[in-house]
């Protein structure tokens, strides 16, 4: 539990234990993007993550290429249809940090997933 310590930050990529899961939820221990803000990450034993799954060309998926900064092993897709809150005990080890150039796409994918496009400014 964070207990007021900032252990992981928004924008970092961590190995997260997603099992047990049910049905079509993302399974196994997977790379996940920490999506929750840092105040929440510091104060809560829950955080919000998005798993990296297979690369896809869906409007709610942001495909990320591997770089020395994010340390992904291959191109993977952030699937915003799989956003979830996880207990901090599921967060295992840091992989890397997502580059800033992806955040505009992320905001767009979240807006599509939650049907918030009308609230976005062009």
PDB file of N, CA and C in Angstrom:
ATOM      1  N   UNK A   1       0.837  -1.194   0.000  1.00  0.00           N
ATOM      2  CA  UNK A   1       0.000   0.000   0.000  1.00  0.00           C
ATOM      3  C   UNK A   1       0.874   1.247   0.000  1.00  0.00           C
ATOM      4  N   UNK A   2       0.534   2.261  -0.775  1.00  0.00           N
ATOM      5  CA  UNK A   2       1.372   3.453  -0.875  1.00  0.00           C
ATOM      6  C   UNK A   2       1.602   4.192   0.448  1.00  0.00           C
ATOM      7  N   UNK A   3       0.590   4.276   1.331  1.00  0.00           N
ATOM      8  CA  UNK A   3       0.742   4.982   2.608  1.00  0.00           C
ATOM      9  C   UNK A   3       1.364   6.361   2.455  1.00  0.00           C
ATOM     10  N   UNK A   4       0.928   7.115   1.471  1.00  0.00           N
ATOM     11  CA  UNK A   4       1.449   8.456   1.277  1.00  0.00           C
ATOM     12  C   UNK A   4       2.745   8.518   0.495  1.00  0.00           C
ATOM     13  N   UNK A   5       3.291   7.379   0.098  1.00  0.00           N
ATOM     14  CA  UNK A   5       4.501   7.350  -0.724  1.00  0.00           C
ATOM     15  C   UNK A   5       4.101   7.180  -2.178  1.00  0.00           C
ATOM     16  N   UNK A   6       4.728   7.929  -3.054  1.00  0.00           N
ATOM     17  CA  UNK A   6       4.448   7.808  -4.485  1.00  0.00           C
ATOM     18  C   UNK A   6       5.331   6.698  -5.053  1.00  0.00           C
ATOM     19  N   UNK A   7       4.717   5.536  -5.279  1.00  0.00           N
ATOM     20  CA  UNK A   7       5.453   4.350  -5.725  1.00  0.00           C
ATOM     21  C   UNK A   7       5.484   4.275  -7.244  1.00  0.00           C
ATOM     22  N   UNK A   8       4.365   4.542  -7.875  1.00  0.00           N
ATOM     23  CA  UNK A   8       4.251   4.509  -9.330  1.00  0.00           C
ATOM     24  C   UNK A   8       3.542   5.783  -9.762  1.00  0.00           C
ATOM     25  N   UNK A   9       3.844   6.233 -10.982  1.00  0.00           N
ATOM     26  CA  UNK A   9       3.324   7.510 -11.464  1.00  0.00           C
ATOM     27  C   UNK A   9       2.519   7.320 -12.745  1.00  0.00           C
ATOM     28  N   UNK A  10       1.602   8.267 -12.958  1.00  0.00           N
ATOM     29  CA  UNK A  10       0.854   8.282 -14.214  1.00  0.00           C
ATOM     30  C   UNK A  10       1.857   8.321 -15.365  1.00  0.00           C
ATOM     31  N   UNK A  11       1.581   7.506 -16.369  1.00  0.00           N
ATOM     32  CA  UNK A  11       2.448   7.478 -17.549  1.00  0.00           C
ATOM     33  C   UNK A  11       3.515   6.411 -17.498  1.00  0.00           C
ATOM     34  N   UNK A  12       3.698   5.786 -16.343  1.00  0.00           N
ATOM     35  CA  UNK A  12       4.673   4.699 -16.261  1.00  0.00           C
ATOM     36  C   UNK A  12       4.023   3.394 -16.711  1.00  0.00           C
ATOM     37  N   UNK A  13       4.862   2.487 -17.186  1.00  0.00           N
ATOM     38  CA  UNK A  13       4.409   1.168 -17.614  1.00  0.00           C
ATOM     39  C   UNK A  13       4.958   0.149 -16.616  1.00  0.00           C
ATOM     40  N   UNK A  14       4.071  -0.644 -16.039  1.00  0.00           N
ATOM     41  CA  UNK A  14       4.430  -1.623 -15.015  1.00  0.00           C
ATOM     42  C   UNK A  14       3.869  -2.991 -15.370  1.00  0.00           C
ATOM     43  N   UNK A  15       4.530  -4.038 -14.880  1.00  0.00           N
ATOM     44  CA  UNK A  15       3.951  -5.375 -14.927  1.00  0.00           C
ATOM     45  C   UNK A  15       2.860  -5.420 -13.870  1.00  0.00           C
ATOM     46  N   UNK A  16       1.653  -5.829 -14.277  1.00  0.00           N
ATOM     47  CA  UNK A  16       0.514  -5.889 -13.363  1.00  0.00           C
ATOM     48  C   UNK A  16      -0.115  -7.275 -13.468  1.00  0.00           C
ATOM     49  N   UNK A  17      -0.330  -7.871 -12.313  1.00  0.00           N
ATOM     50  CA  UNK A  17      -0.963  -9.195 -12.214  1.00  0.00           C
ATOM     51  C   UNK A  17      -2.477  -9.022 -12.356  1.00  0.00           C
ATOM     52  N   UNK A  18      -3.041  -9.443 -13.470  1.00  0.00           N
ATOM     53  CA  UNK A  18      -4.465  -9.234 -13.731  1.00  0.00           C
ATOM     54  C   UNK A  18      -5.335 -10.431 -13.347  1.00  0.00           C
ATOM     55  N   UNK A  19      -4.719 -11.577 -13.056  1.00  0.00           N
ATOM     56  CA  UNK A  19      -5.494 -12.745 -12.630  1.00  0.00           C
ATOM     57  C   UNK A  19      -5.769 -12.685 -11.137  1.00  0.00           C
ATOM     58  N   UNK A  20      -6.862 -13.198 -10.656  1.00  0.00           N
ATOM     59  CA  UNK A  20      -7.882 -13.886 -11.435  1.00  0.00           C
ATOM     60  C   UNK A  20      -8.737 -12.892 -12.211  1.00  0.00           C
ATOM     61  N   UNK A  21      -9.182 -13.338 -13.363  1.00  0.00           N
ATOM     62  CA  UNK A  21     -10.069 -12.528 -14.197  1.00  0.00           C
ATOM     63  C   UNK A  21     -11.226 -13.405 -14.630  1.00  0.00           C
ATOM     64  N   UNK A  22     -12.237 -12.788 -15.195  1.00  0.00           N
ATOM     65  CA  UNK A  22     -13.437 -13.506 -15.604  1.00  0.00           C
ATOM     66  C   UNK A  22     -13.743 -13.216 -17.063  1.00  0.00           C
ATOM     67  N   UNK A  23     -14.256 -14.203 -17.767  1.00  0.00           N
ATOM     68  CA  UNK A  23     -14.708 -14.002 -19.142  1.00  0.00           C
ATOM     69  C   UNK A  23     -13.627 -13.471 -20.058  1.00  0.00           C
ATOM     70  N   UNK A  24     -13.926 -12.353 -20.727  1.00  0.00           N
ATOM     71  CA  UNK A  24     -12.992 -11.796 -21.709  1.00  0.00           C
ATOM     72  C   UNK A  24     -12.102 -10.689 -21.128  1.00  0.00           C
ATOM     73  N   UNK A  25     -12.083 -10.550 -19.797  1.00  0.00           N
ATOM     74  CA  UNK A  25     -11.171  -9.579 -19.185  1.00  0.00           C
ATOM     75  C   UNK A  25      -9.727  -9.976 -19.507  1.00  0.00           C
ATOM     76  N   UNK A  26      -8.851  -8.980 -19.595  1.00  0.00           N
ATOM     77  CA  UNK A  26      -7.431  -9.252 -19.819  1.00  0.00           C
ATOM     78  C   UNK A  26      -6.914 -10.145 -18.697  1.00  0.00           C
ATOM     79  N   UNK A  27      -6.111 -11.123 -19.084  1.00  0.00           N
ATOM     80  CA  UNK A  27      -5.616 -12.124 -18.138  1.00  0.00           C
ATOM     81  C   UNK A  27      -4.096 -12.040 -18.004  1.00  0.00           C
ATOM     82  N   UNK A  28      -3.570 -12.804 -17.095  1.00  0.00           N
ATOM     83  CA  UNK A  28      -2.129 -12.990 -16.872  1.00  0.00           C
ATOM     84  C   UNK A  28      -1.480 -11.731 -16.281  1.00  0.00           C
ATOM     85  N   UNK A  29      -0.182 -11.789 -16.154  1.00  0.00           N
ATOM     86  CA  UNK A  29       0.603 -10.621 -15.754  1.00  0.00           C
ATOM     87  C   UNK A  29       1.014  -9.928 -17.042  1.00  0.00           C
ATOM     88  N   UNK A  30       0.610  -8.663 -17.178  1.00  0.00           N
ATOM     89  CA  UNK A  30       0.801  -7.931 -18.426  1.00  0.00           C
ATOM     90  C   UNK A  30       1.383  -6.553 -18.163  1.00  0.00           C
ATOM     91  N   UNK A  31       2.026  -5.978 -19.195  1.00  0.00           N
ATOM     92  CA  UNK A  31       2.400  -4.568 -19.090  1.00  0.00           C
ATOM     93  C   UNK A  31       1.123  -3.735 -19.064  1.00  0.00           C
ATOM     94  N   UNK A  32       1.083  -2.765 -18.175  1.00  0.00           N
ATOM     95  CA  UNK A  32      -0.066  -1.864 -18.075  1.00  0.00           C
ATOM     96  C   UNK A  32       0.424  -0.440 -17.903  1.00  0.00           C
ATOM     97  N   UNK A  33      -0.338   0.485 -18.462  1.00  0.00           N
ATOM     98  CA  UNK A  33      -0.069   1.904 -18.282  1.00  0.00           C
ATOM     99  C   UNK A  33      -0.782   2.373 -17.020  1.00  0.00           C
ATOM    100  N   UNK A  34      -0.067   3.084 -16.151  1.00  0.00           N
ATOM    101  CA  UNK A  34      -0.695   3.704 -14.987  1.00  0.00           C
ATOM    102  C   UNK A  34      -1.413   4.946 -15.503  1.00  0.00           C
ATOM    103  N   UNK A  35      -2.733   4.971 -15.358  1.00  0.00           N
ATOM    104  CA  UNK A  35      -3.551   6.048 -15.893  1.00  0.00           C
ATOM    105  C   UNK A  35      -3.998   7.032 -14.806  1.00  0.00           C
ATOM    106  N   UNK A  36      -4.122   6.548 -13.581  1.00  0.00           N
ATOM    107  CA  UNK A  36      -4.603   7.397 -12.490  1.00  0.00           C
ATOM    108  C   UNK A  36      -3.615   8.528 -12.190  1.00  0.00           C
ATOM    109  N   UNK A  37      -4.131   9.659 -11.726  1.00  0.00           N
ATOM    110  CA  UNK A  37      -3.279  10.798 -11.387  1.00  0.00           C
ATOM    111  C   UNK A  37      -2.410  10.481 -10.179  1.00  0.00           C
ATOM    112  N   UNK A  38      -1.340  11.229 -10.016  1.00  0.00           N
ATOM    113  CA  UNK A  38      -0.356  10.935  -8.976  1.00  0.00           C
ATOM    114  C   UNK A  38      -0.850  11.195  -7.555  1.00  0.00           C
ATOM    115  N   UNK A  39      -1.784  12.110  -7.362  1.00  0.00           N
ATOM    116  CA  UNK A  39      -2.355  12.293  -6.024  1.00  0.00           C
ATOM    117  C   UNK A  39      -3.080  11.021  -5.605  1.00  0.00           C
ATOM    118  N   UNK A  40      -3.890  10.475  -6.509  1.00  0.00           N
ATOM    119  CA  UNK A  40      -4.566   9.207  -6.237  1.00  0.00           C
ATOM    120  C   UNK A  40      -3.578   8.077  -6.033  1.00  0.00           C
ATOM    121  N   UNK A  41      -2.511   8.046  -6.831  1.00  0.00           N
ATOM    122  CA  UNK A  41      -1.501   6.996  -6.697  1.00  0.00           C
ATOM    123  C   UNK A  41      -0.780   7.072  -5.359  1.00  0.00           C
ATOM    124  N   UNK A  42      -0.656   8.254  -4.829  1.00  0.00           N
ATOM    125  CA  UNK A  42       0.041   8.439  -3.554  1.00  0.00           C
ATOM    126  C   UNK A  42      -0.852   8.090  -2.364  1.00  0.00           C
ATOM    127  N   UNK A  43      -2.139   8.377  -2.464  1.00  0.00           N
ATOM    128  CA  UNK A  43      -3.026   8.268  -1.312  1.00  0.00           C
ATOM    129  C   UNK A  43      -3.881   7.004  -1.263  1.00  0.00           C
ATOM    130  N   UNK A  44      -4.059   6.333  -2.382  1.00  0.00           N
ATOM    131  CA  UNK A  44      -4.991   5.210  -2.436  1.00  0.00           C
ATOM    132  C   UNK A  44      -4.263   3.896  -2.639  1.00  0.00           C
ATOM    133  N   UNK A  45      -4.841   2.821  -2.149  1.00  0.00           N
ATOM    134  CA  UNK A  45      -4.272   1.495  -2.410  1.00  0.00           C
ATOM    135  C   UNK A  45      -4.800   0.919  -3.723  1.00  0.00           C
ATOM    136  N   UNK A  46      -5.654   1.680  -4.413  1.00  0.00           N
ATOM    137  CA  UNK A  46      -6.118   1.320  -5.758  1.00  0.00           C
ATOM    138  C   UNK A  46      -5.505   2.284  -6.760  1.00  0.00           C
ATOM    139  N   UNK A  47      -5.258   1.798  -7.965  1.00  0.00           N
ATOM    140  CA  UNK A  47      -4.892   2.683  -9.057  1.00  0.00           C
ATOM    141  C   UNK A  47      -5.617   2.224 -10.315  1.00  0.00           C
ATOM    142  N   UNK A  48      -5.702   3.098 -11.287  1.00  0.00           N
ATOM    143  CA  UNK A  48      -6.382   2.794 -12.546  1.00  0.00           C
ATOM    144  C   UNK A  48      -5.319   2.504 -13.597  1.00  0.00           C
ATOM    145  N   UNK A  49      -5.476   1.370 -14.273  1.00  0.00           N
ATOM    146  CA  UNK A  49      -4.509   0.945 -15.284  1.00  0.00           C
ATOM    147  C   UNK A  49      -5.220   0.590 -16.585  1.00  0.00           C
ATOM    148  N   UNK A  50      -4.438   0.571 -17.656  1.00  0.00           N
ATOM    149  CA  UNK A  50      -4.899   0.108 -18.962  1.00  0.00           C
ATOM    150  C   UNK A  50      -3.894  -0.936 -19.430  1.00  0.00           C
ATOM    151  N   UNK A  51      -4.363  -2.141 -19.742  1.00  0.00           N
ATOM    152  CA  UNK A  51      -3.424  -3.180 -20.181  1.00  0.00           C
ATOM    153  C   UNK A  51      -2.987  -3.006 -21.633  1.00  0.00           C
ATOM    154  N   UNK A  52      -1.750  -3.403 -21.877  1.00  0.00           N
ATOM    155  CA  UNK A  52      -1.241  -3.532 -23.243  1.00  0.00           C
ATOM    156  C   UNK A  52      -1.597  -4.933 -23.712  1.00  0.00           C
ATOM    157  N   UNK A  53      -2.307  -5.004 -24.819  1.00  0.00           N
ATOM    158  CA  UNK A  53      -2.671  -6.275 -25.431  1.00  0.00           C
ATOM    159  C   UNK A  53      -2.162  -6.254 -26.869  1.00  0.00           C
ATOM    160  N   UNK A  54      -2.729  -7.068 -27.722  1.00  0.00           N
ATOM    161  CA  UNK A  54      -2.289  -7.111 -29.116  1.00  0.00           C
ATOM    162  C   UNK A  54      -2.577  -5.792 -29.827  1.00  0.00           C
ATOM    163  N   UNK A  55      -1.696  -5.450 -30.751  1.00  0.00           N
ATOM    164  CA  UNK A  55      -1.898  -4.264 -31.595  1.00  0.00           C
ATOM    165  C   UNK A  55      -3.202  -4.442 -32.375  1.00  0.00           C
ATOM    166  N   UNK A  56      -4.032  -3.401 -32.391  1.00  0.00           N
ATOM    167  CA  UNK A  56      -5.298  -3.449 -33.125  1.00  0.00           C
ATOM    168  C   UNK A  56      -5.566  -2.083 -33.738  1.00  0.00           C
ATOM    169  N   UNK A  57      -6.358  -2.059 -34.771  1.00  0.00           N
ATOM    170  CA  UNK A  57      -6.757  -0.800 -35.399  1.00  0.00           C
ATOM    171  C   UNK A  57      -8.206  -0.488 -35.050  1.00  0.00           C
ATOM    172  N   UNK A  58      -8.467  -0.306 -33.770  1.00  0.00           N
ATOM    173  CA  UNK A  58      -9.780   0.085 -33.274  1.00  0.00           C
ATOM    174  C   UNK A  58      -9.651   1.517 -32.742  1.00  0.00           C
ATOM    175  N   UNK A  59     -10.713   2.297 -32.776  1.00  0.00           N
ATOM    176  CA  UNK A  59     -10.617   3.683 -32.322  1.00  0.00           C
ATOM    177  C   UNK A  59     -10.353   3.830 -30.817  1.00  0.00           C
ATOM    178  N   UNK A  60     -10.602   2.781 -30.034  1.00  0.00           N
ATOM    179  CA  UNK A  60     -10.362   2.834 -28.591  1.00  0.00           C
ATOM    180  C   UNK A  60      -9.045   2.161 -28.190  1.00  0.00           C
ATOM    181  N   UNK A  61      -8.190   1.889 -29.180  1.00  0.00           N
ATOM    182  CA  UNK A  61      -6.877   1.286 -28.936  1.00  0.00           C
ATOM    183  C   UNK A  61      -5.802   2.245 -29.429  1.00  0.00           C
ATOM    184  N   UNK A  62      -4.791   2.465 -28.595  1.00  0.00           N
ATOM    185  CA  UNK A  62      -3.634   3.279 -28.983  1.00  0.00           C
ATOM    186  C   UNK A  62      -2.450   2.327 -29.123  1.00  0.00           C
ATOM    187  N   UNK A  63      -1.944   2.200 -30.348  1.00  0.00           N
ATOM    188  CA  UNK A  63      -0.801   1.323 -30.593  1.00  0.00           C
ATOM    189  C   UNK A  63       0.493   2.049 -30.253  1.00  0.00           C
ATOM    190  N   UNK A  64       1.360   1.344 -29.526  1.00  0.00           N
ATOM    191  CA  UNK A  64       2.606   1.931 -29.027  1.00  0.00           C
ATOM    192  C   UNK A  64       3.778   1.109 -29.549  1.00  0.00           C
ATOM    193  N   UNK A  65       4.719   1.804 -30.187  1.00  0.00           N
ATOM    194  CA  UNK A  65       5.925   1.155 -30.696  1.00  0.00           C
ATOM    195  C   UNK A  65       6.971   1.045 -29.587  1.00  0.00           C
ATOM    196  N   UNK A  66       7.762  -0.019 -29.579  1.00  0.00           N
ATOM    197  CA  UNK A  66       8.790  -0.172 -28.555  1.00  0.00           C
ATOM    198  C   UNK A  66       9.929   0.830 -28.747  1.00  0.00           C
ATOM    199  N   UNK A  67      10.407   1.369 -27.644  1.00  0.00           N
ATOM    200  CA  UNK A  67      11.558   2.285 -27.639  1.00  0.00           C
ATOM    201  C   UNK A  67      12.379   2.012 -26.374  1.00  0.00           C
ATOM    202  N   UNK A  68      13.582   2.554 -26.304  1.00  0.00           N
ATOM    203  CA  UNK A  68      14.366   2.408 -25.072  1.00  0.00           C
ATOM    204  C   UNK A  68      13.729   3.131 -23.873  1.00  0.00           C
ATOM    205  N   UNK A  69      12.822   4.056 -24.112  1.00  0.00           N
ATOM    206  CA  UNK A  69      12.163   4.774 -23.008  1.00  0.00           C
ATOM    207  C   UNK A  69      11.011   3.954 -22.435  1.00  0.00           C
ATOM    208  N   UNK A  70      10.172   3.382 -23.316  1.00  0.00           N
ATOM    209  CA  UNK A  70       9.036   2.620 -22.784  1.00  0.00           C
ATOM    210  C   UNK A  70       9.406   1.156 -22.505  1.00  0.00           C
ATOM    211  N   UNK A  71      10.486   0.667 -23.087  1.00  0.00           N
ATOM    212  CA  UNK A  71      11.006  -0.687 -22.853  1.00  0.00           C
ATOM    213  C   UNK A  71      10.035  -1.813 -23.197  1.00  0.00           C
ATOM    214  N   UNK A  72       9.075  -1.551 -24.070  1.00  0.00           N
ATOM    215  CA  UNK A  72       8.201  -2.637 -24.513  1.00  0.00           C
ATOM    216  C   UNK A  72       8.987  -3.572 -25.428  1.00  0.00           C
ATOM    217  N   UNK A  73       8.630  -4.845 -25.431  1.00  0.00           N
ATOM    218  CA  UNK A  73       9.353  -5.830 -26.230  1.00  0.00           C
ATOM    219  C   UNK A  73       8.906  -5.863 -27.689  1.00  0.00           C
ATOM    220  N   UNK A  74       7.698  -5.342 -27.951  1.00  0.00           N
ATOM    221  CA  UNK A  74       7.167  -5.313 -29.328  1.00  0.00           C
ATOM    222  C   UNK A  74       6.044  -4.284 -29.366  1.00  0.00           C
ATOM    223  N   UNK A  75       5.553  -3.984 -30.564  1.00  0.00           N
ATOM    224  CA  UNK A  75       4.435  -3.061 -30.671  1.00  0.00           C
ATOM    225  C   UNK A  75       3.219  -3.694 -30.010  1.00  0.00           C
ATOM    226  N   UNK A  76       2.566  -2.911 -29.160  1.00  0.00           N
ATOM    227  CA  UNK A  76       1.415  -3.393 -28.405  1.00  0.00           C
ATOM    228  C   UNK A  76       0.337  -2.316 -28.417  1.00  0.00           C
ATOM    229  N   UNK A  77      -0.897  -2.735 -28.136  1.00  0.00           N
ATOM    230  CA  UNK A  77      -2.010  -1.801 -28.108  1.00  0.00           C
ATOM    231  C   UNK A  77      -2.531  -1.577 -26.704  1.00  0.00           C
ATOM    232  N   UNK A  78      -2.712  -0.309 -26.347  1.00  0.00           N
ATOM    233  CA  UNK A  78      -3.390   0.036 -25.094  1.00  0.00           C
ATOM    234  C   UNK A  78      -4.887  -0.061 -25.363  1.00  0.00           C
ATOM    235  N   UNK A  79      -5.545  -1.003 -24.738  1.00  0.00           N
ATOM    236  CA  UNK A  79      -6.963  -1.268 -24.993  1.00  0.00           C
ATOM    237  C   UNK A  79      -7.810  -0.556 -23.943  1.00  0.00           C
ATOM    238  N   UNK A  80      -8.383   0.580 -24.336  1.00  0.00           N
ATOM    239  CA  UNK A  80      -9.168   1.373 -23.390  1.00  0.00           C
ATOM    240  C   UNK A  80     -10.538   0.774 -23.095  1.00  0.00           C
ATOM    241  N   UNK A  81     -10.873  -0.325 -23.753  1.00  0.00           N
ATOM    242  CA  UNK A  81     -12.076  -1.072 -23.381  1.00  0.00           C
ATOM    243  C   UNK A  81     -11.805  -1.949 -22.157  1.00  0.00           C
ATOM    244  N   UNK A  82     -10.545  -2.000 -21.726  1.00  0.00           N
ATOM    245  CA  UNK A  82     -10.151  -2.843 -20.592  1.00  0.00           C
ATOM    246  C   UNK A  82      -9.637  -2.036 -19.394  1.00  0.00           C
ATOM    247  N   UNK A  83      -9.973  -0.741 -19.336  1.00  0.00           N
ATOM    248  CA  UNK A  83      -9.574   0.078 -18.185  1.00  0.00           C
ATOM    249  C   UNK A  83     -10.090  -0.577 -16.917  1.00  0.00           C
ATOM    250  N   UNK A  84      -9.253  -0.608 -15.877  1.00  0.00           N
ATOM    251  CA  UNK A  84      -9.719  -1.161 -14.604  1.00  0.00           C
ATOM    252  C   UNK A  84      -8.943  -0.602 -13.422  1.00  0.00           C
ATOM    253  N   UNK A  85      -9.589  -0.651 -12.281  1.00  0.00           N
ATOM    254  CA  UNK A  85      -8.932  -0.298 -11.024  1.00  0.00           C
ATOM    255  C   UNK A  85      -8.326  -1.579 -10.452  1.00  0.00           C
ATOM    256  N   UNK A  86      -7.083  -1.489  -9.979  1.00  0.00           N
ATOM    257  CA  UNK A  86      -6.426  -2.653  -9.379  1.00  0.00           C
ATOM    258  C   UNK A  86      -5.830  -2.267  -8.030  1.00  0.00           C
ATOM    259  N   UNK A  87      -5.767  -3.227  -7.143  1.00  0.00           N
ATOM    260  CA  UNK A  87      -5.104  -3.038  -5.861  1.00  0.00           C
ATOM    261  C   UNK A  87      -3.602  -2.912  -6.094  1.00  0.00           C
ATOM    262  N   UNK A  88      -2.942  -2.110  -5.279  1.00  0.00           N
ATOM    263  CA  UNK A  88      -1.504  -1.877  -5.477  1.00  0.00           C
ATOM    264  C   UNK A  88      -0.678  -3.157  -5.335  1.00  0.00           C
ATOM    265  N   UNK A  89      -1.207  -4.179  -4.664  1.00  0.00           N
ATOM    266  CA  UNK A  89      -0.462  -5.435  -4.530  1.00  0.00           C
ATOM    267  C   UNK A  89      -0.322  -6.161  -5.867  1.00  0.00           C
ATOM    268  N   UNK A  90      -1.135  -5.803  -6.852  1.00  0.00           N
ATOM    269  CA  UNK A  90      -1.047  -6.416  -8.188  1.00  0.00           C
ATOM    270  C   UNK A  90       0.074  -5.801  -9.034  1.00  0.00           C
ATOM    271  N   UNK A  91       0.583  -4.646  -8.632  1.00  0.00           N
ATOM    272  CA  UNK A  91       1.601  -3.930  -9.412  1.00  0.00           C
ATOM    273  C   UNK A  91       2.971  -4.454  -8.997  1.00  0.00           C
ATOM    274  N   UNK A  92       3.694  -5.015  -9.969  1.00  0.00           N
ATOM    275  CA  UNK A  92       4.903  -5.772  -9.645  1.00  0.00           C
ATOM    276  C   UNK A  92       6.214  -5.032  -9.893  1.00  0.00           C
ATOM    277  N   UNK A  93       6.521  -4.683 -11.129  1.00  0.00           N
ATOM    278  CA  UNK A  93       7.808  -4.038 -11.403  1.00  0.00           C
ATOM    279  C   UNK A  93       7.682  -3.100 -12.595  1.00  0.00           C
ATOM    280  N   UNK A  94       8.471  -2.045 -12.536  1.00  0.00           N
ATOM    281  CA  UNK A  94       8.418  -1.023 -13.583  1.00  0.00           C
ATOM    282  C   UNK A  94       9.118  -1.508 -14.840  1.00  0.00           C
ATOM    283  N   UNK A  95       8.484  -1.217 -15.976  1.00  0.00           N
ATOM    284  CA  UNK A  95       9.058  -1.551 -17.281  1.00  0.00           C
ATOM    285  C   UNK A  95       9.680  -0.319 -17.910  1.00  0.00           C
ATOM    286  N   UNK A  96       8.937   0.792 -17.933  1.00  0.00           N
ATOM    287  CA  UNK A  96       9.415   2.011 -18.578  1.00  0.00           C
ATOM    288  C   UNK A  96       8.405   3.126 -18.414  1.00  0.00           C
ATOM    289  N   UNK A  97       8.505   4.130 -19.279  1.00  0.00           N
ATOM    290  CA  UNK A  97       7.613   5.293 -19.242  1.00  0.00           C
ATOM    291  C   UNK A  97       7.103   5.558 -20.652  1.00  0.00           C
ATOM    292  N   UNK A  98       5.822   5.831 -20.748  1.00  0.00           N
ATOM    293  CA  UNK A  98       5.229   6.126 -22.044  1.00  0.00           C
ATOM    294  C   UNK A  98       5.638   7.529 -22.495  1.00  0.00           C
ATOM    295  N   UNK A  99       6.001   7.660 -23.764  1.00  0.00           N
ATOM    296  CA  UNK A  99       6.396   8.947 -24.319  1.00  0.00           C
ATOM    297  C   UNK A  99       5.193   9.894 -24.388  1.00  0.00           C
ATOM    298  N   UNK A 100       5.465  11.194 -24.251  1.00  0.00           N
ATOM    299  CA  UNK A 100       4.412  12.219 -24.238  1.00  0.00           C
ATOM    300  C   UNK A 100       3.601  12.273 -25.527  1.00  0.00           C
ATOM    301  N   UNK A 101       4.200  11.889 -26.665  1.00  0.00           N
ATOM    302  CA  UNK A 101       3.478  12.021 -27.942  1.00  0.00           C
ATOM    303  C   UNK A 101       2.209  11.157 -28.004  1.00  0.00           C
ATOM    304  N   UNK A 102       2.045  10.203 -27.124  1.00  0.00           N
ATOM    305  CA  UNK A 102       0.869   9.327 -27.161  1.00  0.00           C
ATOM    306  C   UNK A 102      -0.339   9.898 -26.419  1.00  0.00           C
ATOM    307  N   UNK A 103      -0.145  10.911 -25.582  1.00  0.00           N
ATOM    308  CA  UNK A 103      -1.226  11.341 -24.691  1.00  0.00           C
ATOM    309  C   UNK A 103      -2.416  11.948 -25.428  1.00  0.00           C
ATOM    310  N   UNK A 104      -2.193  12.624 -26.531  1.00  0.00           N
ATOM    311  CA  UNK A 104      -3.330  13.168 -27.285  1.00  0.00           C
ATOM    312  C   UNK A 104      -4.193  12.021 -27.843  1.00  0.00           C
ATOM    313  N   UNK A 105      -3.541  10.977 -28.341  1.00  0.00           N
ATOM    314  CA  UNK A 105      -4.265   9.798 -28.821  1.00  0.00           C
ATOM    315  C   UNK A 105      -5.007   9.097 -27.685  1.00  0.00           C
ATOM    316  N   UNK A 106      -4.385   9.077 -26.515  1.00  0.00           N
ATOM    317  CA  UNK A 106      -4.999   8.445 -25.339  1.00  0.00           C
ATOM    318  C   UNK A 106      -6.272   9.181 -24.944  1.00  0.00           C
ATOM    319  N   UNK A 107      -6.207  10.500 -24.889  1.00  0.00           N
ATOM    320  CA  UNK A 107      -7.395  11.294 -24.541  1.00  0.00           C
ATOM    321  C   UNK A 107      -8.513  11.024 -25.545  1.00  0.00           C
ATOM    322  N   UNK A 108      -8.154  10.944 -26.813  1.00  0.00           N
ATOM    323  CA  UNK A 108      -9.143  10.672 -27.856  1.00  0.00           C
ATOM    324  C   UNK A 108      -9.752   9.275 -27.685  1.00  0.00           C
ATOM    325  N   UNK A 109      -8.923   8.276 -27.405  1.00  0.00           N
ATOM    326  CA  UNK A 109      -9.406   6.895 -27.225  1.00  0.00           C
ATOM    327  C   UNK A 109     -10.330   6.786 -26.010  1.00  0.00           C
ATOM    328  N   UNK A 110      -9.991   7.496 -24.932  1.00  0.00           N
ATOM    329  CA  UNK A 110     -10.856   7.503 -23.742  1.00  0.00           C
ATOM    330  C   UNK A 110     -12.192   8.156 -24.080  1.00  0.00           C
ATOM    331  N   UNK A 111     -12.142   9.254 -24.813  1.00  0.00           N
ATOM    332  CA  UNK A 111     -13.372   9.946 -25.210  1.00  0.00           C
ATOM    333  C   UNK A 111     -14.251   9.037 -26.064  1.00  0.00           C
ATOM    334  N   UNK A 112     -13.647   8.279 -26.954  1.00  0.00           N
ATOM    335  CA  UNK A 112     -14.409   7.346 -27.789  1.00  0.00           C
ATOM    336  C   UNK A 112     -14.983   6.226 -26.927  1.00  0.00           C
ATOM    337  N   UNK A 113     -14.177   5.664 -26.057  1.00  0.00           N
ATOM    338  CA  UNK A 113     -14.630   4.550 -25.223  1.00  0.00           C
ATOM    339  C   UNK A 113     -15.823   4.943 -24.343  1.00  0.00           C
ATOM    340  N   UNK A 114     -15.779   6.158 -23.802  1.00  0.00           N
ATOM    341  CA  UNK A 114     -16.853   6.612 -22.912  1.00  0.00           C
ATOM    342  C   UNK A 114     -17.856   7.533 -23.611  1.00  0.00           C
ATOM    343  N   UNK A 115     -17.754   7.610 -24.935  1.00  0.00           N
ATOM    344  CA  UNK A 115     -18.630   8.435 -25.773  1.00  0.00           C
ATOM    345  C   UNK A 115     -18.665   9.890 -25.269  1.00  0.00           C
ATOM    346  N   UNK A 116     -17.477  10.474 -25.157  1.00  0.00           N
ATOM    347  CA  UNK A 116     -17.327  11.848 -24.674  1.00  0.00           C
ATOM    348  C   UNK A 116     -16.839  12.790 -25.780  1.00  0.00           C
ATOM    349  N   UNK A 117     -16.858  12.351 -27.045  1.00  0.00           N
ATOM    350  CA  UNK A 117     -16.316  13.150 -28.139  1.00  0.00           C
ATOM    351  C   UNK A 117     -16.919  14.536 -28.206  1.00  0.00           C
ATOM    352  N   UNK A 118     -18.210  14.673 -27.882  1.00  0.00           N
ATOM    353  CA  UNK A 118     -18.860  15.978 -27.962  1.00  0.00           C
ATOM    354  C   UNK A 118     -18.266  16.983 -26.992  1.00  0.00           C
ATOM    355  N   UNK A 119     -17.563  16.500 -25.975  1.00  0.00           N
ATOM    356  CA  UNK A 119     -16.973  17.376 -24.980  1.00  0.00           C
ATOM    357  C   UNK A 119     -15.550  17.789 -25.346  1.00  0.00           C
ATOM    358  N   UNK A 120     -14.963  17.155 -26.361  1.00  0.00           N
ATOM    359  CA  UNK A 120     -13.606  17.492 -26.795  1.00  0.00           C
ATOM    360  C   UNK A 120     -13.619  18.693 -27.701  1.00  0.00           C
ATOM    361  N   UNK A 121     -12.637  19.542 -27.538  1.00  0.00           N
ATOM    362  CA  UNK A 121     -12.469  20.681 -28.445  1.00  0.00           C
ATOM    363  C   UNK A 121     -11.542  20.258 -29.571  1.00  0.00           C
ATOM    364  N   UNK A 122     -11.790  20.756 -30.752  1.00  0.00           N
ATOM    365  CA  UNK A 122     -10.925  20.420 -31.895  1.00  0.00           C
ATOM    366  C   UNK A 122      -9.580  21.079 -31.800  1.00  0.00           C
TER     367      UNK A 122
END
